[in-house]
Amino acid sequence: MSPEETPTDAVLSVRDLSVSFATRQGVVRAVDGLSFDVGTKEVLGIVGESGSGKSVAMYSMLGLVRDANVSISGSVRFEGREILGLSDTEMQSVRGGEVGMIFQDPMTALTPVYTVGWQIVEQLRAHNDMTKKAAYVRATELLAEVGIPDPRAVSITTLTNSLAACASASSSPWPSRAIRNCLSLMSRRRHWTSRPRPRSWT
């Protein structure tokens, strides 16, 4: 099925997605002709053994493959718009605001140097026209919506392993579903370390 034949009710349509890497041993085809559609309220699971290309496919669709030796072809349409090959500036309006990825290891994407609130705020302001104060208020609301105990206090704490997973999921487009499994980890304060409370969010 060509991009022109994409179902009208498809939110995401992938056609013949191929990703290959040029190596000293030759060309490695990480993804070869992947095609699928995801409609409204549908959930699609892509299953495969380790190294089969699942992660590479998702990274490629979001423009997150930075390897200079990579070759990506095919079509990826989100809500009818071709997003494969968009520039970083163009993808900024798509990633985070409309499409999000929850990484397997949040500690590789987040840092314990900054507070939870600061890191959520950075994501909110990157994809929304918000003041810093409004973003901090929203970050606290997101933590509260998923049942994090004392969300304002948590928002000014630094990261630990369990809290990192929660913070990463909180900044996704679907925080209430994404960090539901973190609630038991956050039920006791020994999972996070307090930082001095700021005087204001300004």
Foldseek 3Di string as FASTA:
>chain_A
DALVPDDLQFQKWWFQKWKWFQDPVGIDTLDGTDTDTAGPPGDDDDDDDPSNNPVVSVCQQLVNDDDPRMDIDTFMDGNRHTDRPDDPVVSLQCELPPDYDQDPQLPVVDDQVAALLVVLLVSCVSHDVDDQQVSSVVLLVLCVLQPQPPSLQRRQWGADRLVSSLSSLSSHPDNNVRCNVSRVVRPDCVRIDGDDRDPGRD
